[in-house]
Amino acid sequence: MIEETPLLQERNFGDLRGTPYAELTEDPFAPSFVPPNGESVDVFHRRVAQAFTLIVERRRGLSGPLVVVTHGLVCGAIVANHTHAATLPEMFDNTGLTLIDPAPPFAIRLVNCTQHLIDEAGRRLPGRTPSAV
């Protein structure tokens, strides 16, 4: 079964969406910055907390694993605010894998792993690097 929820959408940067980083005059990731017509960091974190509550609820109803597909800032907020991770990556890579135990204290088993993006010769497979908010 596949379930979609807007709770797992990336942070809403409002009027800045699509703006190349090189054209920004302020840091959209600064804790106090609120993008015009977008989400503040606090609003974003409250939404992600609701998403995490939904994830935990859905997992309780399963006999096997639950796969959640979402965005880097959402992954970072979940790991930072709802697990006991010792360290956090600076950013979460596209297609990075993070494994979290399904029950409290929600221990982290793997964080932002991109080993599946390495070919037999040890080279990183081509990926997309974000260039805009």
N, C-alpha and C. Protein backbone atom coordinates (compact mmCIF):
# COMPACT_ATOMS: atom_id res chain seq x y z
N MET A 1 0.83 -1.17 0.00
CA MET A 1 0.00 0.00 0.00
C MET A 1 0.88 1.25 0.00
N ILE A 2 0.51 2.24 -0.78
CA ILE A 2 1.21 3.52 -0.82
C ILE A 2 0.28 4.59 -0.27
N GLU A 3 0.79 5.38 0.64
CA GLU A 3 0.02 6.48 1.22
C GLU A 3 0.81 7.77 1.03
N GLU A 4 0.17 8.79 0.54
CA GLU A 4 0.80 10.10 0.40
C GLU A 4 0.27 11.03 1.48
N THR A 5 1.14 11.93 1.96
CA THR A 5 0.71 12.93 2.92
C THR A 5 1.50 14.22 2.70
N PRO A 6 0.84 15.36 2.74
CA PRO A 6 1.55 16.62 2.62
C PRO A 6 2.44 16.91 3.82
N LEU A 7 2.27 16.14 4.90
CA LEU A 7 3.11 16.33 6.08
C LEU A 7 4.58 16.05 5.78
N LEU A 8 4.84 15.23 4.75
CA LEU A 8 6.23 14.85 4.41
C LEU A 8 6.81 15.70 3.29
N GLN A 9 6.12 16.76 2.89
CA GLN A 9 6.67 17.63 1.85
C GLN A 9 7.86 18.40 2.41
N GLU A 10 8.74 18.81 1.51
CA GLU A 10 9.89 19.62 1.90
C GLU A 10 9.41 20.93 2.50
N ARG A 11 10.29 21.60 3.22
CA ARG A 11 9.94 22.91 3.79
C ARG A 11 9.47 23.84 2.68
N ASN A 12 8.41 24.58 2.95
CA ASN A 12 7.86 25.51 1.97
C ASN A 12 8.65 26.82 2.03
N PHE A 13 9.39 27.09 0.96
CA PHE A 13 10.17 28.32 0.88
C PHE A 13 9.42 29.44 0.16
N GLY A 14 8.12 29.25 -0.03
CA GLY A 14 7.26 30.30 -0.55
C GLY A 14 7.76 30.94 -1.83
N ASP A 15 7.85 32.27 -1.81
CA ASP A 15 8.24 33.03 -2.99
C ASP A 15 9.67 32.75 -3.46
N LEU A 16 10.46 32.12 -2.61
CA LEU A 16 11.86 31.81 -2.98
C LEU A 16 11.98 30.52 -3.80
N ARG A 17 10.92 29.74 -3.86
CA ARG A 17 10.99 28.46 -4.59
C ARG A 17 11.50 28.69 -5.99
N GLY A 18 12.47 27.90 -6.38
CA GLY A 18 13.03 27.97 -7.73
C GLY A 18 14.12 29.02 -7.89
N THR A 19 14.38 29.80 -6.86
CA THR A 19 15.43 30.82 -6.94
C THR A 19 16.79 30.16 -6.80
N PRO A 20 17.70 30.37 -7.76
CA PRO A 20 19.04 29.80 -7.62
C PRO A 20 19.73 30.33 -6.36
N TYR A 21 20.47 29.48 -5.69
CA TYR A 21 21.17 29.89 -4.48
C TYR A 21 22.03 31.12 -4.72
N ALA A 22 22.66 31.22 -5.88
CA ALA A 22 23.55 32.35 -6.19
C ALA A 22 22.79 33.68 -6.23
N GLU A 23 21.49 33.65 -6.40
CA GLU A 23 20.70 34.88 -6.48
C GLU A 23 20.06 35.27 -5.15
N LEU A 24 20.21 34.47 -4.13
CA LEU A 24 19.60 34.76 -2.83
C LEU A 24 20.39 35.85 -2.11
N THR A 25 19.68 36.75 -1.46
CA THR A 25 20.33 37.82 -0.69
C THR A 25 20.37 37.50 0.80
N GLU A 26 19.61 36.47 1.22
CA GLU A 26 19.61 36.02 2.61
C GLU A 26 19.76 34.51 2.65
N ASP A 27 20.16 34.00 3.80
CA ASP A 27 20.30 32.56 3.97
C ASP A 27 18.93 31.97 4.29
N PRO A 28 18.33 31.22 3.35
CA PRO A 28 16.98 30.68 3.60
C PRO A 28 16.97 29.62 4.70
N PHE A 29 18.13 29.13 5.10
CA PHE A 29 18.21 28.10 6.13
C PHE A 29 18.53 28.68 7.51
N ALA A 30 18.71 29.98 7.60
CA ALA A 30 18.96 30.61 8.90
C ALA A 30 17.75 30.37 9.81
N PRO A 31 17.99 30.02 11.06
CA PRO A 31 16.87 29.66 11.95
C PRO A 31 15.77 30.72 12.08
N SER A 32 16.13 31.98 11.99
CA SER A 32 15.12 33.03 12.18
C SER A 32 14.51 33.52 10.87
N PHE A 33 14.99 33.01 9.74
CA PHE A 33 14.50 33.50 8.44
C PHE A 33 13.16 32.86 8.11
N VAL A 34 12.20 33.70 7.75
CA VAL A 34 10.89 33.23 7.30
C VAL A 34 10.71 33.68 5.86
N PRO A 35 10.71 32.76 4.91
CA PRO A 35 10.56 33.15 3.51
C PRO A 35 9.18 33.78 3.27
N PRO A 36 9.11 34.80 2.41
CA PRO A 36 7.82 35.38 2.09
C PRO A 36 6.86 34.31 1.57
N ASN A 37 5.70 34.22 2.19
CA ASN A 37 4.67 33.23 1.83
C ASN A 37 5.14 31.79 2.02
N GLY A 38 6.10 31.59 2.91
CA GLY A 38 6.62 30.25 3.18
C GLY A 38 6.52 29.90 4.65
N GLU A 39 7.17 28.79 5.03
CA GLU A 39 7.13 28.29 6.41
C GLU A 39 8.33 28.77 7.21
N SER A 40 8.08 29.15 8.45
CA SER A 40 9.18 29.40 9.37
C SER A 40 9.76 28.04 9.78
N VAL A 41 10.92 28.06 10.38
CA VAL A 41 11.52 26.81 10.86
C VAL A 41 10.62 26.16 11.90
N ASP A 42 10.03 26.97 12.80
CA ASP A 42 9.16 26.41 13.83
C ASP A 42 7.93 25.73 13.24
N VAL A 43 7.30 26.37 12.26
CA VAL A 43 6.12 25.78 11.63
C VAL A 43 6.51 24.49 10.91
N PHE A 44 7.65 24.52 10.22
CA PHE A 44 8.15 23.32 9.54
C PHE A 44 8.36 22.18 10.53
N HIS A 45 9.02 22.47 11.65
CA HIS A 45 9.29 21.41 12.63
C HIS A 45 8.01 20.87 13.26
N ARG A 46 7.01 21.72 13.46
CA ARG A 46 5.73 21.23 13.99
C ARG A 46 5.07 20.29 12.99
N ARG A 47 5.14 20.64 11.71
CA ARG A 47 4.56 19.78 10.68
C ARG A 47 5.29 18.44 10.62
N VAL A 48 6.62 18.48 10.69
CA VAL A 48 7.39 17.23 10.66
C VAL A 48 7.10 16.39 11.91
N ALA A 49 6.85 17.02 13.04
CA ALA A 49 6.48 16.27 14.25
C ALA A 49 5.15 15.54 14.02
N GLN A 50 4.21 16.19 13.35
CA GLN A 50 2.95 15.52 13.00
C GLN A 50 3.23 14.35 12.06
N ALA A 51 4.13 14.55 11.11
CA ALA A 51 4.48 13.48 10.18
C ALA A 51 5.08 12.30 10.94
N PHE A 52 5.97 12.59 11.89
CA PHE A 52 6.60 11.51 12.64
C PHE A 52 5.57 10.74 13.46
N THR A 53 4.61 11.45 14.06
CA THR A 53 3.53 10.79 14.79
C THR A 53 2.76 9.85 13.86
N LEU A 54 2.49 10.31 12.65
CA LEU A 54 1.80 9.47 11.66
C LEU A 54 2.65 8.25 11.28
N ILE A 55 3.93 8.45 11.08
CA ILE A 55 4.84 7.36 10.74
C ILE A 55 4.82 6.29 11.84
N VAL A 56 4.95 6.72 13.08
CA VAL A 56 4.96 5.78 14.20
C VAL A 56 3.63 5.03 14.27
N GLU A 57 2.53 5.73 14.07
CA GLU A 57 1.20 5.10 14.08
C GLU A 57 1.08 4.05 12.97
N ARG A 58 1.51 4.42 11.77
CA ARG A 58 1.42 3.48 10.64
C ARG A 58 2.30 2.26 10.88
N ARG A 59 3.48 2.45 11.43
CA ARG A 59 4.41 1.35 11.66
C ARG A 59 3.85 0.36 12.67
N ARG A 60 3.16 0.87 13.68
CA ARG A 60 2.56 -0.02 14.69
C ARG A 60 1.58 -1.01 14.06
N GLY A 61 0.94 -0.62 12.97
CA GLY A 61 -0.03 -1.48 12.32
C GLY A 61 0.54 -2.48 11.35
N LEU A 62 1.87 -2.53 11.23
CA LEU A 62 2.51 -3.43 10.27
C LEU A 62 3.26 -4.56 10.97
N SER A 63 3.36 -5.67 10.28
CA SER A 63 4.17 -6.78 10.81
C SER A 63 5.60 -6.71 10.27
N GLY A 64 5.83 -5.91 9.24
CA GLY A 64 7.15 -5.77 8.65
C GLY A 64 7.59 -4.32 8.64
N PRO A 65 8.61 -4.02 7.86
CA PRO A 65 9.14 -2.65 7.84
C PRO A 65 8.20 -1.67 7.14
N LEU A 66 8.43 -0.40 7.43
CA LEU A 66 7.73 0.70 6.79
C LEU A 66 8.78 1.53 6.06
N VAL A 67 8.53 1.84 4.81
CA VAL A 67 9.45 2.67 4.02
C VAL A 67 8.81 4.05 3.88
N VAL A 68 9.57 5.07 4.23
CA VAL A 68 9.11 6.45 4.10
C VAL A 68 10.03 7.14 3.10
N VAL A 69 9.43 7.76 2.09
CA VAL A 69 10.20 8.48 1.08
C VAL A 69 9.87 9.96 1.26
N THR A 70 10.89 10.76 1.50
CA THR A 70 10.67 12.19 1.73
C THR A 70 11.91 12.97 1.34
N HIS A 71 12.03 14.17 1.86
CA HIS A 71 13.07 15.11 1.45
C HIS A 71 14.12 15.27 2.54
N GLY A 72 15.26 15.84 2.15
CA GLY A 72 16.40 15.97 3.04
C GLY A 72 16.15 16.77 4.30
N LEU A 73 15.50 17.93 4.19
CA LEU A 73 15.24 18.72 5.39
C LEU A 73 14.27 18.00 6.32
N VAL A 74 13.32 17.26 5.75
CA VAL A 74 12.39 16.47 6.56
C VAL A 74 13.17 15.36 7.28
N CYS A 75 14.04 14.68 6.56
CA CYS A 75 14.86 13.63 7.19
C CYS A 75 15.68 14.21 8.33
N GLY A 76 16.31 15.33 8.08
CA GLY A 76 17.12 15.97 9.11
C GLY A 76 16.31 16.34 10.34
N ALA A 77 15.10 16.86 10.12
CA ALA A 77 14.25 17.25 11.25
C ALA A 77 13.79 16.02 12.04
N ILE A 78 13.47 14.95 11.35
CA ILE A 78 13.07 13.72 12.05
C ILE A 78 14.22 13.19 12.89
N VAL A 79 15.38 13.07 12.28
CA VAL A 79 16.53 12.52 13.01
C VAL A 79 16.92 13.43 14.17
N ALA A 80 16.95 14.73 13.95
CA ALA A 80 17.38 15.67 14.99
C ALA A 80 16.38 15.74 16.15
N ASN A 81 15.10 15.69 15.85
CA ASN A 81 14.09 15.96 16.87
C ASN A 81 13.37 14.75 17.44
N HIS A 82 13.51 13.59 16.79
CA HIS A 82 12.71 12.45 17.22
C HIS A 82 13.51 11.17 17.45
N THR A 83 14.81 11.25 17.35
CA THR A 83 15.65 10.08 17.60
C THR A 83 16.78 10.48 18.54
N HIS A 84 17.59 9.52 18.87
CA HIS A 84 18.75 9.78 19.72
C HIS A 84 20.02 9.63 18.91
N ALA A 85 20.11 10.35 17.82
CA ALA A 85 21.30 10.28 16.97
C ALA A 85 22.44 11.02 17.66
N ALA A 86 23.61 10.40 17.67
CA ALA A 86 24.78 11.02 18.29
C ALA A 86 25.28 12.20 17.46
N THR A 87 25.30 12.03 16.16
CA THR A 87 25.74 13.11 15.28
C THR A 87 24.81 13.16 14.08
N LEU A 88 24.73 14.32 13.48
CA LEU A 88 23.90 14.51 12.30
C LEU A 88 24.77 14.93 11.13
N PRO A 89 24.42 14.47 9.93
CA PRO A 89 25.15 14.95 8.76
C PRO A 89 24.82 16.43 8.53
N GLU A 90 25.71 17.13 7.86
CA GLU A 90 25.47 18.54 7.55
C GLU A 90 24.22 18.69 6.70
N MET A 91 24.04 17.76 5.77
CA MET A 91 22.82 17.72 4.96
C MET A 91 22.55 16.27 4.58
N PHE A 92 21.33 15.97 4.22
CA PHE A 92 20.97 14.64 3.78
C PHE A 92 21.03 14.60 2.26
N ASP A 93 21.76 13.61 1.74
CA ASP A 93 21.95 13.47 0.30
C ASP A 93 20.69 12.95 -0.37
N ASN A 94 20.55 13.28 -1.67
CA ASN A 94 19.48 12.69 -2.46
C ASN A 94 19.65 11.17 -2.44
N THR A 95 18.62 10.47 -2.19
CA THR A 95 18.53 9.01 -2.12
C THR A 95 19.34 8.40 -0.97
N GLY A 96 19.71 9.21 0.02
CA GLY A 96 20.38 8.68 1.19
C GLY A 96 19.42 7.83 2.01
N LEU A 97 19.91 6.75 2.58
CA LEU A 97 19.09 5.85 3.38
C LEU A 97 19.34 6.07 4.86
N THR A 98 18.28 6.15 5.63
CA THR A 98 18.36 6.27 7.07
C THR A 98 17.44 5.21 7.66
N LEU A 99 17.95 4.43 8.59
CA LEU A 99 17.15 3.37 9.24
C LEU A 99 16.96 3.72 10.70
N ILE A 100 15.70 3.73 11.13
CA ILE A 100 15.35 4.08 12.50
C ILE A 100 14.59 2.90 13.10
N ASP A 101 14.94 2.52 14.34
CA ASP A 101 14.20 1.48 15.03
C ASP A 101 12.74 1.89 15.14
N PRO A 102 11.82 0.94 15.03
CA PRO A 102 10.40 1.28 14.99
C PRO A 102 9.77 1.64 16.34
N ALA A 103 10.49 1.47 17.43
CA ALA A 103 9.92 1.75 18.75
C ALA A 103 10.83 2.68 19.54
N PRO A 104 10.26 3.40 20.49
CA PRO A 104 11.10 4.28 21.32
C PRO A 104 12.23 3.50 21.94
N PRO A 105 13.40 4.06 22.05
CA PRO A 105 13.75 5.47 21.85
C PRO A 105 14.12 5.82 20.40
N PHE A 106 13.67 5.04 19.43
CA PHE A 106 13.89 5.30 18.01
C PHE A 106 15.38 5.46 17.69
N ALA A 107 16.12 4.42 18.06
CA ALA A 107 17.57 4.42 17.80
C ALA A 107 17.83 4.43 16.30
N ILE A 108 18.92 5.06 15.94
CA ILE A 108 19.34 5.14 14.54
C ILE A 108 20.26 3.98 14.24
N ARG A 109 19.97 3.25 13.17
CA ARG A 109 20.81 2.14 12.73
C ARG A 109 21.71 2.55 11.57
N LEU A 110 21.28 3.52 10.79
CA LEU A 110 22.01 3.97 9.61
C LEU A 110 21.55 5.39 9.32
N VAL A 111 22.50 6.29 9.03
CA VAL A 111 22.13 7.69 8.75
C VAL A 111 22.71 8.11 7.41
N ASN A 112 21.82 8.53 6.51
CA ASN A 112 22.22 9.15 5.25
C ASN A 112 23.23 8.31 4.47
N CYS A 113 23.03 7.02 4.43
CA CYS A 113 23.95 6.13 3.72
C CYS A 113 23.74 6.26 2.21
N THR A 114 24.83 6.45 1.48
CA THR A 114 24.77 6.55 0.02
C THR A 114 25.65 5.50 -0.64
N GLN A 115 25.97 4.45 0.09
CA GLN A 115 26.83 3.38 -0.44
C GLN A 115 26.25 2.78 -1.72
N HIS A 116 24.93 2.76 -1.83
CA HIS A 116 24.29 2.20 -3.03
C HIS A 116 24.54 3.06 -4.27
N LEU A 117 25.13 4.24 -4.08
CA LEU A 117 25.44 5.13 -5.21
C LEU A 117 26.89 4.99 -5.68
N ILE A 118 27.61 4.03 -5.12
CA ILE A 118 29.01 3.82 -5.48
C ILE A 118 29.11 2.63 -6.43
N ASP A 119 29.78 2.82 -7.56
CA ASP A 119 29.90 1.71 -8.51
C ASP A 119 31.05 0.78 -8.11
N GLU A 120 31.27 -0.26 -8.90
CA GLU A 120 32.28 -1.26 -8.58
C GLU A 120 33.69 -0.68 -8.50
N ALA A 121 33.94 0.41 -9.22
CA ALA A 121 35.27 1.04 -9.21
C ALA A 121 35.41 2.06 -8.08
N GLY A 122 34.37 2.19 -7.25
CA GLY A 122 34.45 3.12 -6.13
C GLY A 122 34.07 4.55 -6.49
N ARG A 123 33.50 4.75 -7.67
CA ARG A 123 33.10 6.10 -8.09
C ARG A 123 31.65 6.33 -7.75
N ARG A 124 31.35 7.55 -7.33
CA ARG A 124 29.95 7.90 -7.04
C ARG A 124 29.20 8.03 -8.36
N LEU A 125 28.06 7.38 -8.43
CA LEU A 125 27.23 7.47 -9.62
C LEU A 125 26.68 8.88 -9.75
N PRO A 126 26.43 9.33 -10.98
CA PRO A 126 25.96 10.71 -11.16
C PRO A 126 24.65 10.92 -10.42
N GLY A 127 24.56 12.07 -9.80
CA GLY A 127 23.34 12.44 -9.08
C GLY A 127 23.03 13.89 -9.32
N ARG A 128 21.94 14.31 -8.80
CA ARG A 128 21.51 15.68 -8.98
C ARG A 128 21.87 16.45 -7.73
N THR A 129 22.57 17.57 -7.90
CA THR A 129 22.89 18.45 -6.80
C THR A 129 21.93 19.63 -6.85
N PRO A 130 21.23 19.89 -5.75
CA PRO A 130 20.29 21.01 -5.78
C PRO A 130 21.02 22.32 -6.05
N SER A 131 20.44 23.13 -6.93
CA SER A 131 21.04 24.43 -7.26
C SER A 131 20.11 25.57 -6.92
N ALA A 132 18.89 25.24 -6.50
CA ALA A 132 17.91 26.27 -6.18
C ALA A 132 17.09 25.85 -4.97
N VAL A 133 16.49 26.84 -4.32
CA VAL A 133 15.64 26.56 -3.17
C VAL A 133 14.35 25.96 -3.66
